[in-house]
Structures are given as structure tokens and as C-alpha cells.
C-alpha atoms as a PDB file:
ATOM      1  CA  MET A   1       0.077   0.032   0.054  1.00  0.00           C
ATOM      2  CA  LYS A   2       1.259   3.522  -0.932  1.00  0.00           C
ATOM      3  CA  ILE A   3       1.022   6.207   1.518  1.00  0.00           C
ATOM      4  CA  LEU A   4       1.141   9.741  -0.116  1.00  0.00           C
ATOM      5  CA  ARG A   5       0.959  13.253   1.375  1.00  0.00           C
ATOM      6  CA  GLY A   6      -1.940  15.461   0.134  1.00  0.00           C
ATOM      7  CA  LEU A   7      -4.018  15.435  -3.058  1.00  0.00           C
ATOM      8  CA  TYR A   8      -1.117  14.310  -5.164  1.00  0.00           C
ATOM      9  CA  SER A   9      -0.270  11.095  -6.979  1.00  0.00           C
ATOM     10  CA  PRO A  10       2.997  10.239  -8.895  1.00  0.00           C
ATOM     11  CA  ASP A  11       1.226   8.183 -11.511  1.00  0.00           C
ATOM     12  CA  SER A  12      -1.936   8.607 -13.736  1.00  0.00           C
ATOM     13  CA  GLN A  13      -3.538   5.524 -12.979  1.00  0.00           C
ATOM     14  CA  PRO A  14      -7.271   6.068 -12.459  1.00  0.00           C
ATOM     15  CA  VAL A  15      -8.813   5.123  -9.097  1.00  0.00           C
ATOM     16  CA  ALA A  16     -11.938   4.365  -7.163  1.00  0.00           C
ATOM     17  CA  LEU A  17     -11.752   6.385  -4.009  1.00  0.00           C
ATOM     18  CA  THR A  18     -13.541   7.203  -0.868  1.00  0.00           C
ATOM     19  CA  ILE A  19     -13.085  10.075   1.554  1.00  0.00           C
ATOM     20  CA  GLY A  20     -13.425  10.468   5.348  1.00  0.00           C
ATOM     21  CA  ASN A  21     -11.764  10.410   8.748  1.00  0.00           C
ATOM     22  CA  PHE A  22     -12.450   6.812   9.365  1.00  0.00           C
ATOM     23  CA  ASP A  23     -11.721   6.951  13.191  1.00  0.00           C
ATOM     24  CA  GLY A  24     -11.884   3.425  14.539  1.00  0.00           C
ATOM     25  CA  VAL A  25     -12.263   1.796  11.027  1.00  0.00           C
ATOM     26  CA  HIS A  26     -15.560   0.309  12.504  1.00  0.00           C
ATOM     27  CA  LEU A  27     -18.033  -1.947  10.647  1.00  0.00           C
ATOM     28  CA  GLY A  28     -19.636   0.962   8.943  1.00  0.00           C
ATOM     29  CA  HIS A  29     -16.211   2.131   7.528  1.00  0.00           C
ATOM     30  CA  GLN A  30     -15.418  -1.325   6.605  1.00  0.00           C
ATOM     31  CA  ALA A  31     -18.590  -1.819   4.534  1.00  0.00           C
ATOM     32  CA  LEU A  32     -17.796   1.355   2.731  1.00  0.00           C
ATOM     33  CA  LEU A  33     -14.109   0.300   2.029  1.00  0.00           C
ATOM     34  CA  ASN A  34     -15.151  -3.156   0.866  1.00  0.00           C
ATOM     35  CA  GLU A  35     -17.647  -1.446  -1.519  1.00  0.00           C
ATOM     36  CA  VAL A  36     -15.256   0.786  -3.066  1.00  0.00           C
ATOM     37  CA  ARG A  37     -12.789  -2.166  -3.496  1.00  0.00           C
ATOM     38  CA  ALA A  38     -15.639  -4.133  -5.244  1.00  0.00           C
ATOM     39  CA  ALA A  39     -16.285  -1.129  -7.484  1.00  0.00           C
ATOM     40  CA  ALA A  40     -12.649  -0.783  -8.320  1.00  0.00           C
ATOM     41  CA  GLU A  41     -12.330  -4.534  -9.192  1.00  0.00           C
ATOM     42  CA  THR A  42     -15.370  -4.161 -11.462  1.00  0.00           C
ATOM     43  CA  ARG A  43     -14.073  -1.156 -13.291  1.00  0.00           C
ATOM     44  CA  GLY A  44     -10.431  -2.218 -13.518  1.00  0.00           C
ATOM     45  CA  LEU A  45      -9.273   0.687 -11.025  1.00  0.00           C
ATOM     46  CA  GLN A  46      -6.964   0.957  -8.179  1.00  0.00           C
ATOM     47  CA  THR A  47      -8.383   1.877  -4.791  1.00  0.00           C
ATOM     48  CA  ALA A  48      -7.576   4.921  -2.860  1.00  0.00           C
ATOM     49  CA  VAL A  49      -8.658   6.585   0.449  1.00  0.00           C
ATOM     50  CA  VAL A  50      -8.377  10.316   1.299  1.00  0.00           C
ATOM     51  CA  ILE A  51      -8.016  11.012   4.988  1.00  0.00           C
ATOM     52  CA  PHE A  52      -7.382  14.197   7.117  1.00  0.00           C
ATOM     53  CA  GLU A  53      -4.551  14.695   9.607  1.00  0.00           C
ATOM     54  CA  PRO A  54      -5.350  16.033  12.194  1.00  0.00           C
ATOM     55  CA  HIS A  55      -9.108  15.539  12.344  1.00  0.00           C
ATOM     56  CA  PRO A  56     -10.757  18.818  11.329  1.00  0.00           C
ATOM     57  CA  ARG A  57     -12.429  19.114  14.753  1.00  0.00           C
ATOM     58  CA  GLU A  58      -9.022  18.857  16.276  1.00  0.00           C
ATOM     59  CA  PHE A  59      -7.851  21.774  14.276  1.00  0.00           C
ATOM     60  CA  PHE A  60     -10.875  24.054  14.683  1.00  0.00           C
ATOM     61  CA  THR A  61     -11.857  23.270  18.327  1.00  0.00           C
ATOM     62  CA  PRO A  62      -8.942  21.142  19.844  1.00  0.00           C
ATOM     63  CA  GLN A  63     -10.536  21.332  23.412  1.00  0.00           C
ATOM     64  CA  GLN A  64     -13.952  20.000  22.328  1.00  0.00           C
ATOM     65  CA  ALA A  65     -12.650  17.332  19.795  1.00  0.00           C
ATOM     66  CA  PRO A  66     -13.685  13.799  20.630  1.00  0.00           C
ATOM     67  CA  ALA A  67     -10.994  11.289  21.857  1.00  0.00           C
ATOM     68  CA  ARG A  68      -9.424   9.413  19.106  1.00  0.00           C
ATOM     69  CA  LEU A  69     -10.204   5.839  18.611  1.00  0.00           C
ATOM     70  CA  THR A  70      -7.195   5.034  16.409  1.00  0.00           C
ATOM     71  CA  SER A  71      -3.816   6.716  15.747  1.00  0.00           C
ATOM     72  CA  LEU A  72      -2.797   7.420  11.988  1.00  0.00           C
ATOM     73  CA  ARG A  73      -0.447   4.341  12.218  1.00  0.00           C
ATOM     74  CA  GLU A  74      -3.430   2.075  13.284  1.00  0.00           C
ATOM     75  CA  LYS A  75      -5.655   3.485  10.804  1.00  0.00           C
ATOM     76  CA  LEU A  76      -3.087   2.938   8.037  1.00  0.00           C
ATOM     77  CA  GLU A  77      -2.539  -0.738   9.207  1.00  0.00           C
ATOM     78  CA  PHE A  78      -6.362  -1.472   8.972  1.00  0.00           C
ATOM     79  CA  PHE A  79      -6.481   0.039   5.364  1.00  0.00           C
ATOM     80  CA  SER A  80      -3.509  -2.141   4.346  1.00  0.00           C
ATOM     81  CA  ALA A  81      -5.291  -5.221   5.849  1.00  0.00           C
ATOM     82  CA  LEU A  82      -8.599  -4.375   3.873  1.00  0.00           C
ATOM     83  CA  GLY A  83      -6.591  -4.354   0.560  1.00  0.00           C
ATOM     84  CA  ILE A  84      -6.529  -0.644  -0.187  1.00  0.00           C
ATOM     85  CA  ASN A  85      -3.865   0.353  -2.601  1.00  0.00           C
ATOM     86  CA  ARG A  86      -3.311   4.134  -1.927  1.00  0.00           C
ATOM     87  CA  VAL A  87      -3.916   6.444   1.017  1.00  0.00           C
ATOM     88  CA  HIS A  88      -3.654  10.245   0.668  1.00  0.00           C
ATOM     89  CA  VAL A  89      -3.034  11.830   4.021  1.00  0.00           C
ATOM     90  CA  CYS A  90      -4.145  15.371   3.738  1.00  0.00           C
ATOM     91  CA  ARG A  91      -2.657  17.850   6.237  1.00  0.00           C
ATOM     92  CA  PHE A  92      -5.510  19.621   7.589  1.00  0.00           C
ATOM     93  CA  ASN A  93      -4.362  23.263   8.319  1.00  0.00           C
ATOM     94  CA  ALA A  94      -5.532  26.827   7.718  1.00  0.00           C
ATOM     95  CA  HIS A  95      -4.661  26.710   4.006  1.00  0.00           C
ATOM     96  CA  PHE A  96      -6.441  23.379   3.457  1.00  0.00           C
ATOM     97  CA  SER A  97      -9.498  24.556   5.498  1.00  0.00           C
ATOM     98  CA  ARG A  98     -10.011  27.435   3.126  1.00  0.00           C
ATOM     99  CA  MET A  99      -9.992  25.194   0.062  1.00  0.00           C
ATOM    100  CA  SER A 100     -13.627  25.316  -1.618  1.00  0.00           C
ATOM    101  CA  ALA A 101     -15.633  22.337  -2.095  1.00  0.00           C
ATOM    102  CA  VAL A 102     -15.575  22.899  -5.923  1.00  0.00           C
ATOM    103  CA  ASP A 103     -11.725  23.014  -6.016  1.00  0.00           C
ATOM    104  CA  PHE A 104     -11.624  19.893  -3.774  1.00  0.00           C
ATOM    105  CA  ILE A 105     -13.661  17.909  -6.261  1.00  0.00           C
ATOM    106  CA  HIS A 106     -11.559  19.100  -9.193  1.00  0.00           C
ATOM    107  CA  ASP A 107      -8.432  18.000  -7.400  1.00  0.00           C
ATOM    108  CA  LEU A 108      -9.828  14.565  -6.865  1.00  0.00           C
ATOM    109  CA  HIS A 109     -10.539  14.383 -10.574  1.00  0.00           C
ATOM    110  CA  GLU A 110      -7.415  16.121 -12.036  1.00  0.00           C
ATOM    111  CA  LYS A 111      -4.649  15.205  -9.429  1.00  0.00           C
ATOM    112  CA  LEU A 112      -5.770  11.767  -8.088  1.00  0.00           C
ATOM    113  CA  HIS A 113      -7.524  10.759 -11.402  1.00  0.00           C
ATOM    114  CA  ALA A 114     -10.749   9.695  -9.710  1.00  0.00           C
ATOM    115  CA  ARG A 115     -13.155   7.745 -11.947  1.00  0.00           C
ATOM    116  CA  TYR A 116     -15.353   6.465  -9.223  1.00  0.00           C
ATOM    117  CA  VAL A 117     -16.072   8.254  -5.821  1.00  0.00           C
ATOM    118  CA  LEU A 118     -18.035   6.530  -2.947  1.00  0.00           C
ATOM    119  CA  ILE A 119     -18.873   8.700   0.142  1.00  0.00           C
ATOM    120  CA  GLY A 120     -21.167   8.382   3.099  1.00  0.00           C
ATOM    121  CA  ASP A 121     -24.705   9.776   2.567  1.00  0.00           C
ATOM    122  CA  ASP A 122     -23.972  12.433   5.176  1.00  0.00           C
ATOM    123  CA  PHE A 123     -20.415  13.422   4.264  1.00  0.00           C
ATOM    124  CA  ARG A 124     -19.612  17.089   3.964  1.00  0.00           C
ATOM    125  CA  PHE A 125     -16.516  18.851   2.678  1.00  0.00           C
ATOM    126  CA  GLY A 126     -14.777  22.061   1.640  1.00  0.00           C
ATOM    127  CA  SER A 127     -14.622  25.472   3.259  1.00  0.00           C
ATOM    128  CA  GLY A 128     -17.520  25.972   5.648  1.00  0.00           C
ATOM    129  CA  ARG A 129     -18.627  22.370   4.955  1.00  0.00           C
ATOM    130  CA  ALA A 130     -20.324  23.651   1.831  1.00  0.00           C
ATOM    131  CA  GLY A 131     -19.856  20.518  -0.251  1.00  0.00           C
ATOM    132  CA  ASP A 132     -22.093  17.506   0.010  1.00  0.00           C
ATOM    133  CA  PHE A 133     -23.236  14.466  -2.076  1.00  0.00           C
ATOM    134  CA  ALA A 134     -25.437  16.382  -4.366  1.00  0.00           C
ATOM    135  CA  LEU A 135     -22.633  18.789  -5.338  1.00  0.00           C
ATOM    136  CA  MET A 136     -20.126  16.015  -5.886  1.00  0.00           C
ATOM    137  CA  GLU A 137     -22.542  14.042  -8.057  1.00  0.00           C
ATOM    138  CA  LYS A 138     -23.371  17.244 -10.090  1.00  0.00           C
ATOM    139  CA  ILE A 139     -19.698  18.071 -10.848  1.00  0.00           C
ATOM    140  CA  GLY A 140     -18.788  14.392 -11.196  1.00  0.00           C
ATOM    141  CA  ALA A 141     -21.308  14.126 -14.052  1.00  0.00           C
ATOM    142  CA  LYS A 142     -19.602  17.025 -15.742  1.00  0.00           C
ATOM    143  CA  LEU A 143     -16.023  15.803 -15.231  1.00  0.00           C
ATOM    144  CA  GLY A 144     -16.710  12.223 -16.255  1.00  0.00           C
ATOM    145  CA  PHE A 145     -16.574  10.301 -12.968  1.00  0.00           C
ATOM    146  CA  ALA A 146     -19.357   8.375 -11.164  1.00  0.00           C
ATOM    147  CA  VAL A 147     -20.380   9.271  -7.586  1.00  0.00           C
ATOM    148  CA  HIS A 148     -22.275   6.914  -5.347  1.00  0.00           C
ATOM    149  CA  ALA A 149     -23.528   7.129  -1.713  1.00  0.00           C
ATOM    150  CA  VAL A 150     -23.154   4.429   0.880  1.00  0.00           C
ATOM    151  CA  HIS A 151     -25.729   4.433   3.578  1.00  0.00           C
ATOM    152  CA  SER A 152     -25.156   3.888   7.336  1.00  0.00           C
ATOM    153  CA  VAL A 153     -24.628   0.407   8.801  1.00  0.00           C
ATOM    154  CA  LYS A 154     -26.848  -0.456  11.674  1.00  0.00           C
ATOM    155  CA  HIS A 155     -26.635  -3.092  14.460  1.00  0.00           C
ATOM    156  CA  ASP A 156     -29.897  -3.828  16.206  1.00  0.00           C
ATOM    157  CA  GLY A 157     -31.373  -0.558  14.922  1.00  0.00           C
ATOM    158  CA  VAL A 158     -28.420   1.423  16.164  1.00  0.00           C
ATOM    159  CA  ARG A 159     -26.372   3.406  13.563  1.00  0.00           C
ATOM    160  CA  ILE A 160     -22.694   2.280  13.938  1.00  0.00           C
ATOM    161  CA  SER A 161     -20.534   5.359  14.399  1.00  0.00           C
ATOM    162  CA  SER A 162     -17.325   6.478  16.032  1.00  0.00           C
ATOM    163  CA  THR A 163     -19.609   8.347  18.491  1.00  0.00           C
ATOM    164  CA  GLU A 164     -21.489   5.214  19.548  1.00  0.00           C
ATOM    165  CA  ILE A 165     -18.177   3.348  19.993  1.00  0.00           C
ATOM    166  CA  ARG A 166     -16.623   6.154  22.198  1.00  0.00           C
ATOM    167  CA  ALA A 167     -19.756   6.081  24.330  1.00  0.00           C
ATOM    168  CA  ALA A 168     -19.507   2.183  24.741  1.00  0.00           C
ATOM    169  CA  LEU A 169     -15.942   2.448  25.609  1.00  0.00           C
ATOM    170  CA  LEU A 170     -16.364   5.269  28.121  1.00  0.00           C
ATOM    171  CA  ALA A 171     -19.067   3.322  29.746  1.00  0.00           C
ATOM    172  CA  GLY A 172     -16.827   0.140  29.945  1.00  0.00           C
ATOM    173  CA  LYS A 173     -19.199  -1.797  27.589  1.00  0.00           C
ATOM    174  CA  MET A 174     -16.438  -3.693  25.793  1.00  0.00           C
ATOM    175  CA  ARG A 175     -18.679  -6.246  24.076  1.00  0.00           C
ATOM    176  CA  GLU A 176     -20.874  -3.588  22.688  1.00  0.00           C
ATOM    177  CA  ALA A 177     -17.797  -1.737  21.290  1.00  0.00           C
ATOM    178  CA  GLN A 178     -16.634  -5.084  19.819  1.00  0.00           C
ATOM    179  CA  ARG A 179     -19.868  -5.582  17.918  1.00  0.00           C
ATOM    180  CA  TYR A 180     -19.576  -2.246  16.294  1.00  0.00           C
ATOM    181  CA  LEU A 181     -15.966  -2.490  15.563  1.00  0.00           C
ATOM    182  CA  GLY A 182     -16.052  -6.092  14.315  1.00  0.00           C
ATOM    183  CA  ARG A 183     -13.014  -6.705  16.556  1.00  0.00           C
ATOM    184  CA  HIS A 184     -11.855  -6.035  20.203  1.00  0.00           C
ATOM    185  CA  TYR A 185     -10.892  -2.492  20.715  1.00  0.00           C
ATOM    186  CA  SER A 186      -7.204  -2.001  20.801  1.00  0.00           C
ATOM    187  CA  ILE A 187      -4.331   0.459  21.296  1.00  0.00           C
ATOM    188  CA  SER A 188      -1.008  -0.061  19.647  1.00  0.00           C
ATOM    189  CA  GLY A 189       2.342   1.471  20.490  1.00  0.00           C
ATOM    190  CA  ARG A 190       6.048   1.031  21.374  1.00  0.00           C
ATOM    191  CA  VAL A 191       7.164  -0.056  24.863  1.00  0.00           C
ATOM    192  CA  VAL A 192       8.953   2.825  26.488  1.00  0.00           C
ATOM    193  CA  ARG A 193      10.649   3.163  29.842  1.00  0.00           C
ATOM    194  CA  GLY A 194       8.453   4.048  32.833  1.00  0.00           C
ATOM    195  CA  ASP A 195       9.365   4.970  36.365  1.00  0.00           C
ATOM    196  CA  GLY A 196       9.910   1.364  37.440  1.00  0.00           C
ATOM    197  CA  LEU A 197       7.204   1.231  40.201  1.00  0.00           C
ATOM    198  CA  GLY A 198       5.548  -1.889  38.853  1.00  0.00           C
ATOM    199  CA  ARG A 199       8.843  -3.858  39.121  1.00  0.00           C
ATOM    200  CA  LYS A 200       9.506  -2.573  42.699  1.00  0.00           C
ATOM    201  CA  ILE A 201       6.190  -3.809  43.906  1.00  0.00           C
ATOM    202  CA  GLY A 202       6.351  -7.171  42.211  1.00  0.00           C
ATOM    203  CA  TYR A 203       4.213  -6.412  39.130  1.00  0.00           C
ATOM    204  CA  SER A 204       6.391  -5.380  36.223  1.00  0.00           C
ATOM    205  CA  THR A 205       4.676  -3.611  33.409  1.00  0.00           C
ATOM    206  CA  ALA A 206       5.060  -2.837  29.766  1.00  0.00           C
ATOM    207  CA  ASN A 207       4.579   0.930  29.408  1.00  0.00           C
ATOM    208  CA  ILE A 208       2.891   1.549  25.929  1.00  0.00           C
ATOM    209  CA  GLN A 209       3.671   4.943  24.324  1.00  0.00           C
ATOM    210  CA  LEU A 210       0.260   6.777  23.638  1.00  0.00           C
ATOM    211  CA  LYS A 211      -0.034   8.833  20.460  1.00  0.00           C
ATOM    212  CA  HIS A 212      -2.675  10.989  21.889  1.00  0.00           C
ATOM    213  CA  ASN A 213      -3.284  12.439  25.441  1.00  0.00           C
ATOM    214  CA  ARG A 214      -6.893  11.525  25.711  1.00  0.00           C
ATOM    215  CA  PRO A 215      -7.694   7.872  25.139  1.00  0.00           C
ATOM    216  CA  PRO A 216     -11.407   7.039  24.881  1.00  0.00           C
ATOM    217  CA  LEU A 217     -11.477   4.722  27.948  1.00  0.00           C
ATOM    218  CA  SER A 218      -9.939   4.440  31.312  1.00  0.00           C
ATOM    219  CA  GLY A 219      -9.758   1.903  34.102  1.00  0.00           C
ATOM    220  CA  ILE A 220      -8.350  -1.565  34.813  1.00  0.00           C
ATOM    221  CA  PHE A 221      -8.856  -4.187  32.074  1.00  0.00           C
ATOM    222  CA  VAL A 222      -8.388  -7.762  31.083  1.00  0.00           C
ATOM    223  CA  VAL A 223      -6.237  -7.705  27.995  1.00  0.00           C
ATOM    224  CA  GLN A 224      -4.488  -9.756  25.413  1.00  0.00           C
ATOM    225  CA  VAL A 225      -1.361  -8.497  23.782  1.00  0.00           C
ATOM    226  CA  HIS A 226       0.018  -9.174  20.288  1.00  0.00           C
ATOM    227  CA  ALA A 227       3.738  -8.649  20.492  1.00  0.00           C
ATOM    228  CA  GLU A 228       6.268  -8.840  17.668  1.00  0.00           C
ATOM    229  CA  GLY A 229       7.866 -12.252  17.541  1.00  0.00           C
ATOM    230  CA  LEU A 230       6.151 -13.329  20.816  1.00  0.00           C
ATOM    231  CA  GLY A 231       2.600 -14.287  19.741  1.00  0.00           C
ATOM    232  CA  VAL A 232      -0.435 -13.600  21.910  1.00  0.00           C
ATOM    233  CA  LEU A 233       0.137 -12.946  25.495  1.00  0.00           C
ATOM    234  CA  GLN A 234      -2.445 -12.541  28.413  1.00  0.00           C
ATOM    235  CA  GLY A 235      -2.443  -9.795  30.968  1.00  0.00           C
ATOM    236  CA  VAL A 236      -4.045  -6.938  32.831  1.00  0.00           C
ATOM    237  CA  ALA A 237      -3.624  -3.330  31.952  1.00  0.00           C
ATOM    238  CA  SER A 238      -4.256  -0.129  33.813  1.00  0.00           C
ATOM    239  CA  LEU A 239      -5.025   2.947  31.554  1.00  0.00           C
ATOM    240  CA  GLY A 240      -5.331   6.272  33.405  1.00  0.00           C
ATOM    241  CA  VAL A 241      -3.446   9.052  35.192  1.00  0.00           C
ATOM    242  CA  ARG A 242      -2.158   6.814  38.274  1.00  0.00           C
ATOM    243  CA  PRO A 243      -3.690   9.078  41.081  1.00  0.00           C
ATOM    244  CA  THR A 244      -2.031   7.221  43.931  1.00  0.00           C
ATOM    245  CA  VAL A 245       1.498   8.118  42.653  1.00  0.00           C
ATOM    246  CA  LYS A 246       1.120  11.084  40.459  1.00  0.00           C
ATOM    247  CA  GLN A 247      -0.722  14.355  40.467  1.00  0.00           C
ATOM    248  CA  ASP A 248      -2.113  16.062  37.318  1.00  0.00           C
ATOM    249  CA  ALA A 249      -0.385  13.455  35.164  1.00  0.00           C
ATOM    250  CA  LYS A 250      -1.086  12.491  31.467  1.00  0.00           C
ATOM    251  CA  PRO A 251      -2.674   9.046  30.937  1.00  0.00           C
ATOM    252  CA  VAL A 252      -0.521   6.088  30.943  1.00  0.00           C
ATOM    253  CA  LEU A 253      -1.104   2.511  29.545  1.00  0.00           C
ATOM    254  CA  GLU A 254       0.592  -0.069  31.618  1.00  0.00           C
ATOM    255  CA  VAL A 255       0.267  -3.760  30.929  1.00  0.00           C
ATOM    256  CA  HIS A 256       1.236  -6.503  33.306  1.00  0.00           C
ATOM    257  CA  LEU A 257       1.931  -9.773  31.286  1.00  0.00           C
ATOM    258  CA  PHE A 258       1.438 -12.987  33.029  1.00  0.00           C
ATOM    259  CA  GLU A 259       4.563 -15.328  33.678  1.00  0.00           C
ATOM    260  CA  PHE A 260       6.510 -12.989  31.409  1.00  0.00           C
ATOM    261  CA  GLU A 261      10.007 -11.658  32.290  1.00  0.00           C
ATOM    262  CA  GLN A 262      11.596 -10.834  28.718  1.00  0.00           C
ATOM    263  CA  GLN A 263      13.155  -7.585  27.868  1.00  0.00           C
ATOM    264  CA  ILE A 264      10.706  -5.846  25.303  1.00  0.00           C
ATOM    265  CA  TYR A 265      11.806  -2.097  25.352  1.00  0.00           C
ATOM    266  CA  GLY A 266      11.232  -0.839  21.868  1.00  0.00           C
ATOM    267  CA  LYS A 267       8.869  -3.524  20.641  1.00  0.00           C
ATOM    268  CA  HIS A 268       5.573  -2.681  19.057  1.00  0.00           C
ATOM    269  CA  LEU A 269       2.530  -4.013  20.882  1.00  0.00           C
ATOM    270  CA  ARG A 270      -1.023  -4.172  20.201  1.00  0.00           C
ATOM    271  CA  VAL A 271      -3.257  -4.339  23.396  1.00  0.00           C
ATOM    272  CA  GLU A 272      -6.697  -5.702  22.972  1.00  0.00           C
ATOM    273  CA  PHE A 273      -9.159  -4.643  25.705  1.00  0.00           C
ATOM    274  CA  LEU A 274     -11.311  -7.645  26.534  1.00  0.00           C
ATOM    275  CA  GLN A 275     -13.192  -6.821  29.734  1.00  0.00           C
ATOM    276  CA  LYS A 276     -13.319  -3.944  32.146  1.00  0.00           C
ATOM    277  CA  LEU A 277     -12.575  -4.791  35.776  1.00  0.00           C
ATOM    278  CA  ARG A 278     -13.035  -1.607  37.561  1.00  0.00           C
ATOM    279  CA  ASP A 279     -12.475   2.003  37.470  1.00  0.00           C
ATOM    280  CA  GLU A 280      -9.131   3.643  38.283  1.00  0.00           C
ATOM    281  CA  GLU A 281      -9.109   4.617  42.073  1.00  0.00           C
ATOM    282  CA  LYS A 282      -6.776   6.749  44.326  1.00  0.00           C
ATOM    283  CA  TYR A 283      -5.488   4.788  47.335  1.00  0.00           C
ATOM    284  CA  PRO A 284      -3.924   6.071  50.565  1.00  0.00           C
ATOM    285  CA  ASP A 285      -0.542   4.327  49.996  1.00  0.00           C
ATOM    286  CA  VAL A 286       1.466   2.087  47.652  1.00  0.00           C
ATOM    287  CA  GLU A 287       0.677  -0.911  49.905  1.00  0.00           C
ATOM    288  CA  THR A 288      -2.963  -0.626  49.282  1.00  0.00           C
ATOM    289  CA  LEU A 289      -2.398  -0.284  45.627  1.00  0.00           C
ATOM    290  CA  THR A 290      -0.322  -3.248  45.454  1.00  0.00           C
ATOM    291  CA  ARG A 291      -3.083  -5.294  47.215  1.00  0.00           C
ATOM    292  CA  HIS A 292      -5.606  -4.161  44.547  1.00  0.00           C
ATOM    293  CA  ILE A 293      -3.201  -4.930  41.727  1.00  0.00           C
ATOM    294  CA  ALA A 294      -2.874  -8.509  43.149  1.00  0.00           C
ATOM    295  CA  SER A 295      -6.598  -8.764  43.112  1.00  0.00           C
ATOM    296  CA  ASP A 296      -6.895  -7.502  39.597  1.00  0.00           C
ATOM    297  CA  VAL A 297      -4.336 -10.006  38.405  1.00  0.00           C
ATOM    298  CA  GLU A 298      -6.317 -12.799  40.023  1.00  0.00           C
ATOM    299  CA  HIS A 299      -9.536 -11.658  38.527  1.00  0.00           C
ATOM    300  CA  ALA A 300      -8.071 -11.416  35.062  1.00  0.00           C
ATOM    301  CA  LYS A 301      -6.508 -14.861  35.253  1.00  0.00           C
ATOM    302  CA  LYS A 302      -9.997 -16.251  36.265  1.00  0.00           C
ATOM    303  CA  TRP A 303     -11.712 -14.406  33.389  1.00  0.00           C
ATOM    304  CA  PHE A 304      -9.276 -16.137  30.911  1.00  0.00           C
ATOM    305  CA  GLU A 305     -10.080 -19.567  32.612  1.00  0.00           C
ATOM    306  CA  GLN A 306     -13.668 -18.932  32.084  1.00  0.00           C
ATOM    307  CA  HIS A 307     -13.222 -17.699  28.477  1.00  0.00           C
ATOM    308  CA  ASP A 308     -10.712 -20.143  27.257  1.00  0.00           C
END
């Protein structure tokens, strides 16, 4: 899969493309991507996806922007797994935000060589969000490319969306989030050095580097970890600000892996959240914290025994 910056392509091969933020790459997104891939195969085209980085809401209202479900790297990994040929990552800045909807459509045709465009039925684009499906279809007909809309995917009558998934994760409803995602929710990152507290109290942890400071969930979780060259490992994870030992700290993802003592600094891990055990709490001292960690480990091991 080729990753390109902006609305630019080094070749003139025509494409079937889709556009969006794709946060979470949930079942609704997957349906759209599968449809654009099927359209490309029918028409003898390559597949392309246009995404924005950062999310427009992060640019315009960073304090009110929703927590991200996936980092850019995670998103690209999902696109690759779904068979996408090219991804165009558009830097969303002041200049890009002023691009008119008409100019955006012309760039899709002239610079990316779009011959087929598939967008969500509620997708808006261009300066002031002036562009919509009707405008894309009208100009596409003049320029000679087809425009189609994909409708929302629902589960038990609920429209699958990134917003619904964030709400499920925030409430600790891991199974509900899994149904909307089509997989367990996960966070990926490299193992970095922490303050060593876990090792001192007998529960060494892998500290996963978070790409964003506002993860969509927090608490203590049963997890399974996919590690480079190590297969799938079981453990328990804490995702939060560690109020017992820190004040006004940024969120940290720490994973204690069962019966595991290897050196894994620098390795890239994918942590899948299977079940929430409890919320994060502040304890009077480290001894009390240690007792609760021991209890969390036992509960997580029992969960695996029951779900083997």
C-alpha cells in the first residue's frame, strides 16, 4: 500500500476512491471500504482513500474534539489489511481548511485521477462544509466520474458510528464496542521506559507509548497483547493517570503480562481490551495499591479460565 501526502499522485492510474476520517475503522467504515474495493475490481481501477490529519475538529476546536479511537498508524494498518492500494493523508491546516468544495472535487479528478467516488450519505467537505453528495454528483457528471453514496450500517437498529463506540468504551461496555468495531478495541504503541514502580512492587509492566493524550477509555482491564515475535500474551492493564502516585499526570497505559520476564523495550505491541474490571482509584498508599493490583491479576486470570 502506498502512503502519499496530500492530493497528489506520482502516476496517472485512475482510481476508485472514498473520503473520510475513518476513526476506529468500524464496521460502517469497513462496509464502505469493501464497496469501493468491489467497484474498483469491476471497473479495473486501483483503490484510494483520502483522509485528514489532524481531524478537522482537532484543528478548529481542539479542546472540544472527541477522543481518538485510532492513531494514524493504526488506521493505515487497517487500510492495508483491507486491501487498499493508496492512502492520501491530507494535512488539515488553515490553508487546506479554506479550499472550496468545488476546488476539492476538481483536485480529486485532476490530481488523483478519480473515476469513481464513494462517500457516506452525510459526508460534508470544503470550506464551511459547503460540499455535499449532491454537489459531488453534479460536478462528477460534468467531469466524467461516477459518484455513489453508501448508507449507514446499523446493528440492532443503532447506527454504527465512532460516537457510539466512544460512548460504549467510556461506559466500559467492551462487548458492545466489539460488536460495532467487528473486533476487540485495541491500542498499539511501542514499549517505553516508565518509572519502574511496577517492578519494585512485584508487578512489572510494559509501558505503551500513547499517541494522543485523551484515550477514549480508562480503568483496569483484562487484555491480550499481540507482540512482535512473541505471539499473543495474556495480562491485565491499567489505563489512566495513576492518582495514587502522580498528580495532574497524563494518561499512561501499563500492561502486566502473566508469567513473562523478557526484555521488550522498543517492541511494538497491540493491546486488545477484553473486559473492564473496575475504574481507576486513588489509594492512601502504595501498599494498598499493591493489594488491589494483586486482586486485579487474580480476577483477570479467572476471566481467561472462564473464556478459554
